[in-house]
Amino acid sequence: MGRRTRSGARLPRDDERLRLLARGLVVAEPGRCVECGLCAYNCPMGVDTRKYARAGLPVTDAACILCGSCVVHCPRGTLRLAVPDEREAEDSVNVQQATGWRAA
């Protein structure tokens, strides 16, 4: 099992991290974001992750390198790293709308 952040979010193990880097996205749990901006402030690539979190959408910005900094710094545990086919059906619909990716 991976480590946990201060907010209780679970960080992936090394083998999970490789899978996430290959196919993953940073996803947000709708309704949890309080727009504090810590996620965007701590992004080394300058991605406005708060915009995605506020809308409950996956981060689809091409500049995102899946470093997990936004996940670690979110005080509400709104953000997490996930592979699209492992999410609930509702999240898959959001991914399809945002990226055109469709679960098999």
C-alpha atoms as a PDB file:
ATOM      1  CA  MET A   1       0.000   0.000   0.000  1.00  0.00           C
ATOM      2  CA  GLY A   2       1.253   3.522  -0.796  1.00  0.00           C
ATOM      3  CA  ARG A   3       1.994   6.294   1.681  1.00  0.00           C
ATOM      4  CA  ARG A   4      -0.622   8.803   2.803  1.00  0.00           C
ATOM      5  CA  THR A   5      -0.429  12.593   2.640  1.00  0.00           C
ATOM      6  CA  ARG A   6      -1.364  14.958   5.462  1.00  0.00           C
ATOM      7  CA  SER A   7      -4.890  15.204   4.060  1.00  0.00           C
ATOM      8  CA  GLY A   8      -5.213  11.411   4.010  1.00  0.00           C
ATOM      9  CA  ALA A   9      -4.844  10.962   0.242  1.00  0.00           C
ATOM     10  CA  ARG A  10      -2.950   7.801  -0.675  1.00  0.00           C
ATOM     11  CA  LEU A  11       0.205   8.187  -2.759  1.00  0.00           C
ATOM     12  CA  PRO A  12       0.927   5.379  -5.229  1.00  0.00           C
ATOM     13  CA  ARG A  13       3.670   2.773  -4.859  1.00  0.00           C
ATOM     14  CA  ASP A  14       6.446   2.706  -7.481  1.00  0.00           C
ATOM     15  CA  ASP A  15       4.725   0.059  -9.659  1.00  0.00           C
ATOM     16  CA  GLU A  16       1.456   2.000  -9.508  1.00  0.00           C
ATOM     17  CA  ARG A  17       3.333   5.199 -10.335  1.00  0.00           C
ATOM     18  CA  LEU A  18       4.688   3.705 -13.569  1.00  0.00           C
ATOM     19  CA  ARG A  19       1.190   2.668 -14.642  1.00  0.00           C
ATOM     20  CA  LEU A  20      -0.162   6.109 -13.779  1.00  0.00           C
ATOM     21  CA  LEU A  21       2.572   7.830 -15.760  1.00  0.00           C
ATOM     22  CA  ALA A  22       1.726   5.713 -18.778  1.00  0.00           C
ATOM     23  CA  ARG A  23      -2.070   6.205 -18.746  1.00  0.00           C
ATOM     24  CA  GLY A  24      -3.106   8.226 -15.720  1.00  0.00           C
ATOM     25  CA  LEU A  25      -4.682  11.569 -15.002  1.00  0.00           C
ATOM     26  CA  VAL A  26      -5.071  13.815 -12.002  1.00  0.00           C
ATOM     27  CA  VAL A  27      -8.784  13.701 -11.180  1.00  0.00           C
ATOM     28  CA  ALA A  28     -10.905  15.742  -8.788  1.00  0.00           C
ATOM     29  CA  GLU A  29     -13.798  14.793  -6.573  1.00  0.00           C
ATOM     30  CA  PRO A  30     -16.598  17.223  -7.452  1.00  0.00           C
ATOM     31  CA  GLY A  31     -17.803  19.449  -4.643  1.00  0.00           C
ATOM     32  CA  ARG A  32     -14.739  19.117  -2.388  1.00  0.00           C
ATOM     33  CA  CYS A  33     -12.710  21.991  -3.842  1.00  0.00           C
ATOM     34  CA  VAL A  34     -12.762  25.178  -1.738  1.00  0.00           C
ATOM     35  CA  GLU A  35     -10.698  27.095  -4.331  1.00  0.00           C
ATOM     36  CA  CYS A  36      -7.746  27.708  -1.994  1.00  0.00           C
ATOM     37  CA  GLY A  37      -5.344  27.526  -4.959  1.00  0.00           C
ATOM     38  CA  LEU A  38      -2.631  25.497  -3.196  1.00  0.00           C
ATOM     39  CA  CYS A  39      -2.708  22.892  -5.963  1.00  0.00           C
ATOM     40  CA  ALA A  40      -2.032  25.431  -8.715  1.00  0.00           C
ATOM     41  CA  TYR A  41       0.493  27.358  -6.606  1.00  0.00           C
ATOM     42  CA  ASN A  42       2.567  24.202  -6.051  1.00  0.00           C
ATOM     43  CA  CYS A  43       2.445  22.934  -9.644  1.00  0.00           C
ATOM     44  CA  PRO A  44       6.004  23.027 -11.045  1.00  0.00           C
ATOM     45  CA  MET A  45       4.612  23.255 -14.592  1.00  0.00           C
ATOM     46  CA  GLY A  46       2.252  26.158 -13.899  1.00  0.00           C
ATOM     47  CA  VAL A  47      -0.929  24.184 -14.661  1.00  0.00           C
ATOM     48  CA  ASP A  48      -4.059  25.824 -13.235  1.00  0.00           C
ATOM     49  CA  THR A  49      -5.211  22.651 -11.489  1.00  0.00           C
ATOM     50  CA  ARG A  50      -7.678  24.670  -9.404  1.00  0.00           C
ATOM     51  CA  LYS A  51      -9.732  25.309 -12.555  1.00  0.00           C
ATOM     52  CA  TYR A  52     -10.112  21.555 -13.106  1.00  0.00           C
ATOM     53  CA  ALA A  53     -10.711  20.766  -9.419  1.00  0.00           C
ATOM     54  CA  ARG A  54     -13.409  23.428  -9.160  1.00  0.00           C
ATOM     55  CA  ALA A  55     -15.252  21.850 -12.094  1.00  0.00           C
ATOM     56  CA  GLY A  56     -14.652  18.274 -10.903  1.00  0.00           C
ATOM     57  CA  LEU A  57     -12.860  17.411 -14.160  1.00  0.00           C
ATOM     58  CA  PRO A  58      -9.630  15.494 -14.792  1.00  0.00           C
ATOM     59  CA  VAL A  59      -6.538  17.616 -15.475  1.00  0.00           C
ATOM     60  CA  THR A  60      -6.073  17.372 -19.241  1.00  0.00           C
ATOM     61  CA  ASP A  61      -3.453  20.096 -19.698  1.00  0.00           C
ATOM     62  CA  ALA A  62      -0.604  18.725 -21.827  1.00  0.00           C
ATOM     63  CA  ALA A  63       1.915  20.396 -19.497  1.00  0.00           C
ATOM     64  CA  CYS A  64       0.902  18.138 -16.574  1.00  0.00           C
ATOM     65  CA  ILE A  65       3.716  15.685 -15.798  1.00  0.00           C
ATOM     66  CA  LEU A  66       1.781  13.724 -13.123  1.00  0.00           C
ATOM     67  CA  CYS A  67       4.309  14.618 -10.436  1.00  0.00           C
ATOM     68  CA  GLY A  68       1.565  14.545  -7.780  1.00  0.00           C
ATOM     69  CA  SER A  69       2.488  17.876  -6.207  1.00  0.00           C
ATOM     70  CA  CYS A  70      -1.091  19.149  -6.518  1.00  0.00           C
ATOM     71  CA  VAL A  71      -2.403  15.947  -4.916  1.00  0.00           C
ATOM     72  CA  VAL A  72       0.009  16.214  -1.991  1.00  0.00           C
ATOM     73  CA  HIS A  73      -0.673  19.898  -1.311  1.00  0.00           C
ATOM     74  CA  CYS A  74      -4.481  19.770  -1.514  1.00  0.00           C
ATOM     75  CA  PRO A  75      -5.694  20.213   2.083  1.00  0.00           C
ATOM     76  CA  ARG A  76      -9.135  18.728   1.316  1.00  0.00           C
ATOM     77  CA  GLY A  77      -8.012  15.580  -0.527  1.00  0.00           C
ATOM     78  CA  THR A  78      -9.909  16.736  -3.619  1.00  0.00           C
ATOM     79  CA  LEU A  79      -7.299  15.559  -6.127  1.00  0.00           C
ATOM     80  CA  ARG A  80      -5.967  12.057  -6.783  1.00  0.00           C
ATOM     81  CA  LEU A  81      -3.988  10.184  -9.417  1.00  0.00           C
ATOM     82  CA  ALA A  82      -6.045   7.606 -11.299  1.00  0.00           C
ATOM     83  CA  VAL A  83      -6.090   5.492 -14.428  1.00  0.00           C
ATOM     84  CA  PRO A  84      -9.297   6.181 -16.443  1.00  0.00           C
ATOM     85  CA  ASP A  85     -10.567   2.587 -16.593  1.00  0.00           C
ATOM     86  CA  GLU A  86     -10.381   2.214 -12.785  1.00  0.00           C
ATOM     87  CA  ARG A  87     -12.807   5.001 -11.940  1.00  0.00           C
ATOM     88  CA  GLU A  88     -16.511   4.902 -11.384  1.00  0.00           C
ATOM     89  CA  ALA A  89     -18.822   5.248 -14.386  1.00  0.00           C
ATOM     90  CA  GLU A  90     -19.621   8.890 -13.615  1.00  0.00           C
ATOM     91  CA  ASP A  91     -15.942   9.828 -13.632  1.00  0.00           C
ATOM     92  CA  SER A  92     -15.484   7.999 -16.938  1.00  0.00           C
ATOM     93  CA  VAL A  93     -18.190  10.163 -18.480  1.00  0.00           C
ATOM     94  CA  ASN A  94     -16.311  13.273 -17.291  1.00  0.00           C
ATOM     95  CA  VAL A  95     -13.061  11.955 -18.806  1.00  0.00           C
ATOM     96  CA  GLN A  96     -14.796  11.217 -22.104  1.00  0.00           C
ATOM     97  CA  GLN A  97     -16.321  14.705 -22.237  1.00  0.00           C
ATOM     98  CA  ALA A  98     -13.051  16.418 -21.358  1.00  0.00           C
ATOM     99  CA  THR A  99     -10.589  14.344 -23.405  1.00  0.00           C
ATOM    100  CA  GLY A 100     -12.506  12.279 -25.921  1.00  0.00           C
ATOM    101  CA  TRP A 101     -11.120   9.128 -24.221  1.00  0.00           C
ATOM    102  CA  ARG A 102     -13.659   6.348 -23.954  1.00  0.00           C
ATOM    103  CA  ALA A 103     -13.476   3.402 -21.571  1.00  0.00           C
ATOM    104  CA  ALA A 104     -13.664  -0.013 -23.222  1.00  0.00           C
END
